[in-house]
Amino acid sequence: MTNTRQGRLKNLGDVEQSVMDYIWMHGPSTSEACREALAGSRPMKDSTIRTVLRRLEEKGYLTHEIEGRTFVYRASYARQNVAVRAVKGIIDRFCGGSAEQLVLGM
């Protein structure tokens, strides 16, 4: 029997969220494209953006392919799927699995 249940994704920090927002909006990207696009609001060194991308991959948000010598990162899940999983996690953790309890609590 295979366990098909998806694991819970770890929370994102502010910089990680900015990078994911960029990749969800623009599709597969290199570290340089991400760094340049975020430079106005979040200036980063090349090594910093590579670390952020690597951590996002470790957390399960990104995957990469190598084109030539360049890593191209893409989202592992659509933004909507990540949002659904986050809400499901909240319902499971804080509302005993009851969506009704979540709505009542709001």
N, C-alpha and C. Protein backbone atom coordinates (compact mmCIF):
# COMPACT_ATOMS: atom_id res chain seq x y z
N MET A 1 0.85 -1.18 0.00
CA MET A 1 0.00 0.00 0.00
C MET A 1 0.89 1.24 0.00
N THR A 2 0.56 2.22 -0.81
CA THR A 2 1.34 3.44 -0.93
C THR A 2 0.64 4.58 -0.20
N ASN A 3 1.40 5.36 0.53
CA ASN A 3 0.86 6.51 1.21
C ASN A 3 0.83 7.67 0.23
N THR A 4 -0.35 8.10 -0.17
CA THR A 4 -0.48 9.18 -1.15
C THR A 4 -0.78 10.52 -0.50
N ARG A 5 -0.87 10.56 0.83
CA ARG A 5 -1.13 11.80 1.53
C ARG A 5 0.07 12.74 1.38
N GLN A 6 -0.20 13.96 0.98
CA GLN A 6 0.88 14.93 0.83
C GLN A 6 1.27 15.47 2.20
N GLY A 7 2.56 15.62 2.41
CA GLY A 7 3.04 16.18 3.67
C GLY A 7 2.73 17.65 3.76
N ARG A 8 2.76 18.15 4.97
CA ARG A 8 2.50 19.56 5.20
C ARG A 8 3.72 20.36 4.80
N LEU A 9 3.52 21.40 4.02
CA LEU A 9 4.62 22.28 3.64
C LEU A 9 4.98 23.17 4.82
N LYS A 10 6.26 23.42 4.98
CA LYS A 10 6.72 24.31 6.05
C LYS A 10 6.36 25.74 5.71
N ASN A 11 6.23 26.55 6.74
CA ASN A 11 5.88 27.96 6.56
C ASN A 11 6.97 28.70 5.79
N LEU A 12 6.56 29.78 5.14
CA LEU A 12 7.49 30.62 4.38
C LEU A 12 7.82 31.89 5.15
N GLY A 13 9.09 32.29 5.07
CA GLY A 13 9.50 33.59 5.58
C GLY A 13 9.12 34.67 4.57
N ASP A 14 9.31 35.92 4.93
CA ASP A 14 8.94 37.04 4.05
C ASP A 14 9.68 37.00 2.72
N VAL A 15 10.99 36.77 2.75
CA VAL A 15 11.78 36.74 1.52
C VAL A 15 11.37 35.54 0.68
N GLU A 16 11.18 34.40 1.33
CA GLU A 16 10.75 33.20 0.60
C GLU A 16 9.40 33.43 -0.07
N GLN A 17 8.49 34.11 0.65
CA GLN A 17 7.18 34.40 0.07
C GLN A 17 7.31 35.30 -1.15
N SER A 18 8.19 36.29 -1.09
CA SER A 18 8.41 37.18 -2.24
C SER A 18 8.93 36.40 -3.45
N VAL A 19 9.86 35.49 -3.21
CA VAL A 19 10.41 34.68 -4.31
C VAL A 19 9.32 33.79 -4.89
N MET A 20 8.53 33.15 -4.04
CA MET A 20 7.45 32.29 -4.54
C MET A 20 6.43 33.10 -5.30
N ASP A 21 6.08 34.28 -4.81
CA ASP A 21 5.13 35.14 -5.53
C ASP A 21 5.66 35.44 -6.93
N TYR A 22 6.95 35.74 -7.03
CA TYR A 22 7.55 36.02 -8.34
C TYR A 22 7.47 34.80 -9.25
N ILE A 23 7.85 33.64 -8.74
CA ILE A 23 7.86 32.43 -9.59
C ILE A 23 6.43 32.03 -9.96
N TRP A 24 5.49 32.15 -9.04
CA TRP A 24 4.10 31.83 -9.39
C TRP A 24 3.59 32.78 -10.46
N MET A 25 4.00 34.02 -10.42
CA MET A 25 3.52 35.01 -11.38
C MET A 25 4.22 34.88 -12.74
N HIS A 26 5.53 34.58 -12.74
CA HIS A 26 6.31 34.61 -13.98
C HIS A 26 6.72 33.24 -14.51
N GLY A 27 6.49 32.19 -13.76
CA GLY A 27 6.84 30.85 -14.22
C GLY A 27 8.30 30.53 -13.94
N PRO A 28 8.80 29.47 -14.56
CA PRO A 28 10.17 29.01 -14.30
C PRO A 28 11.19 30.15 -14.45
N SER A 29 12.12 30.21 -13.49
CA SER A 29 13.06 31.32 -13.44
C SER A 29 14.43 30.88 -12.94
N THR A 30 15.43 31.63 -13.33
CA THR A 30 16.78 31.42 -12.82
C THR A 30 16.97 32.26 -11.55
N SER A 31 18.03 31.98 -10.83
CA SER A 31 18.32 32.77 -9.63
C SER A 31 18.56 34.23 -10.01
N GLU A 32 19.25 34.44 -11.12
CA GLU A 32 19.55 35.81 -11.56
C GLU A 32 18.27 36.58 -11.91
N ALA A 33 17.33 35.93 -12.59
CA ALA A 33 16.06 36.58 -12.92
C ALA A 33 15.30 36.95 -11.66
N CYS A 34 15.27 36.06 -10.68
CA CYS A 34 14.60 36.34 -9.41
C CYS A 34 15.28 37.50 -8.70
N ARG A 35 16.60 37.46 -8.62
CA ARG A 35 17.34 38.50 -7.92
C ARG A 35 17.09 39.87 -8.55
N GLU A 36 17.17 39.93 -9.87
CA GLU A 36 16.95 41.20 -10.57
C GLU A 36 15.53 41.70 -10.39
N ALA A 37 14.55 40.81 -10.47
CA ALA A 37 13.15 41.21 -10.35
C ALA A 37 12.83 41.73 -8.95
N LEU A 38 13.47 41.18 -7.94
CA LEU A 38 13.19 41.57 -6.56
C LEU A 38 14.11 42.68 -6.05
N ALA A 39 15.07 43.10 -6.87
CA ALA A 39 16.08 44.07 -6.44
C ALA A 39 15.48 45.38 -5.93
N GLY A 40 14.38 45.82 -6.52
CA GLY A 40 13.77 47.08 -6.10
C GLY A 40 13.21 47.04 -4.69
N SER A 41 12.61 45.91 -4.32
CA SER A 41 12.00 45.80 -3.00
C SER A 41 12.83 45.00 -2.01
N ARG A 42 13.64 44.08 -2.52
CA ARG A 42 14.46 43.21 -1.65
C ARG A 42 15.81 42.96 -2.30
N PRO A 43 16.72 43.92 -2.22
CA PRO A 43 18.04 43.71 -2.82
C PRO A 43 18.78 42.55 -2.13
N MET A 44 19.33 41.65 -2.95
CA MET A 44 20.05 40.49 -2.41
C MET A 44 21.30 40.23 -3.22
N LYS A 45 22.28 39.65 -2.56
CA LYS A 45 23.47 39.18 -3.26
C LYS A 45 23.11 37.89 -3.98
N ASP A 46 23.92 37.54 -4.97
CA ASP A 46 23.70 36.32 -5.72
C ASP A 46 23.67 35.10 -4.80
N SER A 47 24.60 35.05 -3.84
CA SER A 47 24.64 33.90 -2.94
C SER A 47 23.39 33.82 -2.06
N THR A 48 22.81 34.96 -1.72
CA THR A 48 21.62 34.98 -0.88
C THR A 48 20.42 34.41 -1.62
N ILE A 49 20.20 34.85 -2.85
CA ILE A 49 19.04 34.34 -3.60
C ILE A 49 19.20 32.85 -3.87
N ARG A 50 20.42 32.40 -4.11
CA ARG A 50 20.64 30.96 -4.31
C ARG A 50 20.32 30.17 -3.05
N THR A 51 20.66 30.72 -1.90
CA THR A 51 20.33 30.06 -0.63
C THR A 51 18.82 30.01 -0.43
N VAL A 52 18.14 31.10 -0.72
CA VAL A 52 16.68 31.14 -0.58
C VAL A 52 16.04 30.10 -1.50
N LEU A 53 16.49 30.04 -2.74
CA LEU A 53 15.94 29.07 -3.68
C LEU A 53 16.21 27.63 -3.23
N ARG A 54 17.40 27.39 -2.73
CA ARG A 54 17.73 26.04 -2.24
C ARG A 54 16.84 25.66 -1.06
N ARG A 55 16.61 26.60 -0.16
CA ARG A 55 15.74 26.32 0.99
C ARG A 55 14.30 26.08 0.56
N LEU A 56 13.83 26.84 -0.42
CA LEU A 56 12.48 26.61 -0.93
C LEU A 56 12.36 25.23 -1.57
N GLU A 57 13.43 24.80 -2.20
CA GLU A 57 13.43 23.46 -2.78
C GLU A 57 13.42 22.40 -1.67
N GLU A 58 14.21 22.61 -0.63
CA GLU A 58 14.23 21.69 0.51
C GLU A 58 12.87 21.61 1.19
N LYS A 59 12.16 22.72 1.24
CA LYS A 59 10.83 22.76 1.86
C LYS A 59 9.75 22.16 0.96
N GLY A 60 10.09 21.91 -0.31
CA GLY A 60 9.14 21.29 -1.22
C GLY A 60 8.37 22.25 -2.11
N TYR A 61 8.66 23.55 -2.04
CA TYR A 61 7.94 24.52 -2.85
C TYR A 61 8.46 24.60 -4.29
N LEU A 62 9.74 24.30 -4.49
CA LEU A 62 10.35 24.41 -5.81
C LEU A 62 11.03 23.11 -6.22
N THR A 63 11.19 22.96 -7.52
CA THR A 63 12.07 21.94 -8.10
C THR A 63 12.95 22.68 -9.08
N HIS A 64 14.02 22.03 -9.55
CA HIS A 64 14.84 22.69 -10.56
C HIS A 64 15.25 21.70 -11.63
N GLU A 65 15.54 22.24 -12.78
CA GLU A 65 16.14 21.52 -13.90
C GLU A 65 17.40 22.28 -14.26
N ILE A 66 18.34 21.59 -14.87
CA ILE A 66 19.57 22.24 -15.28
C ILE A 66 19.55 22.40 -16.79
N GLU A 67 19.69 23.64 -17.24
CA GLU A 67 19.77 23.95 -18.66
C GLU A 67 21.17 24.50 -18.90
N GLY A 68 22.00 23.70 -19.55
CA GLY A 68 23.41 24.07 -19.69
C GLY A 68 24.05 23.97 -18.32
N ARG A 69 24.49 25.11 -17.80
CA ARG A 69 25.05 25.16 -16.44
C ARG A 69 24.16 25.96 -15.50
N THR A 70 22.95 26.27 -15.94
CA THR A 70 22.06 27.14 -15.19
C THR A 70 20.91 26.36 -14.58
N PHE A 71 20.65 26.59 -13.29
CA PHE A 71 19.50 26.00 -12.62
C PHE A 71 18.27 26.84 -12.98
N VAL A 72 17.21 26.18 -13.40
CA VAL A 72 15.94 26.85 -13.67
C VAL A 72 14.93 26.29 -12.66
N TYR A 73 14.40 27.17 -11.84
CA TYR A 73 13.50 26.78 -10.76
C TYR A 73 12.05 26.95 -11.20
N ARG A 74 11.23 26.01 -10.77
CA ARG A 74 9.79 26.09 -11.05
C ARG A 74 9.03 25.67 -9.80
N ALA A 75 7.83 26.18 -9.65
CA ALA A 75 7.00 25.86 -8.50
C ALA A 75 6.59 24.39 -8.55
N SER A 76 6.67 23.73 -7.41
CA SER A 76 6.24 22.34 -7.30
C SER A 76 4.72 22.23 -7.33
N TYR A 77 4.05 23.26 -6.84
CA TYR A 77 2.60 23.29 -6.76
C TYR A 77 2.11 24.66 -7.19
N ALA A 78 0.92 24.71 -7.75
CA ALA A 78 0.28 25.99 -8.08
C ALA A 78 -0.03 26.74 -6.78
N ARG A 79 -0.07 28.05 -6.86
CA ARG A 79 -0.36 28.88 -5.69
C ARG A 79 -1.66 28.43 -5.01
N GLN A 80 -2.67 28.16 -5.80
CA GLN A 80 -3.97 27.76 -5.25
C GLN A 80 -3.85 26.45 -4.46
N ASN A 81 -3.07 25.50 -4.96
CA ASN A 81 -2.89 24.23 -4.25
C ASN A 81 -2.21 24.44 -2.90
N VAL A 82 -1.22 25.34 -2.87
CA VAL A 82 -0.52 25.63 -1.62
C VAL A 82 -1.49 26.29 -0.64
N ALA A 83 -2.33 27.19 -1.13
CA ALA A 83 -3.31 27.85 -0.26
C ALA A 83 -4.30 26.84 0.31
N VAL A 84 -4.76 25.93 -0.52
CA VAL A 84 -5.71 24.91 -0.05
C VAL A 84 -5.06 24.04 1.02
N ARG A 85 -3.81 23.64 0.79
CA ARG A 85 -3.10 22.82 1.78
C ARG A 85 -2.91 23.57 3.09
N ALA A 86 -2.64 24.88 3.01
CA ALA A 86 -2.45 25.68 4.22
C ALA A 86 -3.74 25.76 5.02
N VAL A 87 -4.85 26.01 4.35
CA VAL A 87 -6.14 26.10 5.03
C VAL A 87 -6.51 24.74 5.62
N LYS A 88 -6.28 23.68 4.86
CA LYS A 88 -6.55 22.33 5.37
C LYS A 88 -5.72 22.06 6.62
N GLY A 89 -4.45 22.49 6.61
CA GLY A 89 -3.60 22.33 7.79
C GLY A 89 -4.14 23.07 9.00
N ILE A 90 -4.64 24.28 8.78
CA ILE A 90 -5.22 25.07 9.87
C ILE A 90 -6.46 24.38 10.42
N ILE A 91 -7.30 23.90 9.52
CA ILE A 91 -8.52 23.19 9.95
C ILE A 91 -8.15 21.96 10.76
N ASP A 92 -7.19 21.19 10.28
CA ASP A 92 -6.78 19.97 10.98
C ASP A 92 -6.17 20.28 12.34
N ARG A 93 -5.28 21.28 12.39
CA ARG A 93 -4.55 21.57 13.64
C ARG A 93 -5.38 22.29 14.68
N PHE A 94 -6.20 23.23 14.26
CA PHE A 94 -6.88 24.09 15.22
C PHE A 94 -8.38 23.85 15.35
N CYS A 95 -8.95 23.13 14.40
CA CYS A 95 -10.41 22.95 14.41
C CYS A 95 -10.81 21.49 14.40
N GLY A 96 -9.88 20.61 14.74
CA GLY A 96 -10.19 19.19 14.80
C GLY A 96 -10.68 18.62 13.48
N GLY A 97 -10.26 19.22 12.37
CA GLY A 97 -10.66 18.73 11.05
C GLY A 97 -12.02 19.22 10.58
N SER A 98 -12.64 20.11 11.35
CA SER A 98 -13.97 20.59 11.02
C SER A 98 -13.93 21.97 10.37
N ALA A 99 -14.31 22.03 9.09
CA ALA A 99 -14.39 23.32 8.40
C ALA A 99 -15.47 24.19 9.03
N GLU A 100 -16.51 23.55 9.54
CA GLU A 100 -17.58 24.28 10.20
C GLU A 100 -17.06 25.04 11.42
N GLN A 101 -16.17 24.41 12.19
CA GLN A 101 -15.58 25.08 13.35
C GLN A 101 -14.73 26.28 12.91
N LEU A 102 -14.04 26.16 11.79
CA LEU A 102 -13.26 27.28 11.27
C LEU A 102 -14.17 28.45 10.95
N VAL A 103 -15.26 28.18 10.24
CA VAL A 103 -16.19 29.24 9.85
C VAL A 103 -16.83 29.87 11.08
N LEU A 104 -17.21 29.04 12.04
CA LEU A 104 -17.80 29.58 13.27
C LEU A 104 -16.81 30.45 14.03
N GLY A 105 -15.55 30.06 14.00
CA GLY A 105 -14.51 30.81 14.69
C GLY A 105 -14.20 32.14 14.04
N MET A 106 -14.55 32.28 12.79
CA MET A 106 -14.29 33.54 12.08
C MET A 106 -15.40 34.50 12.37
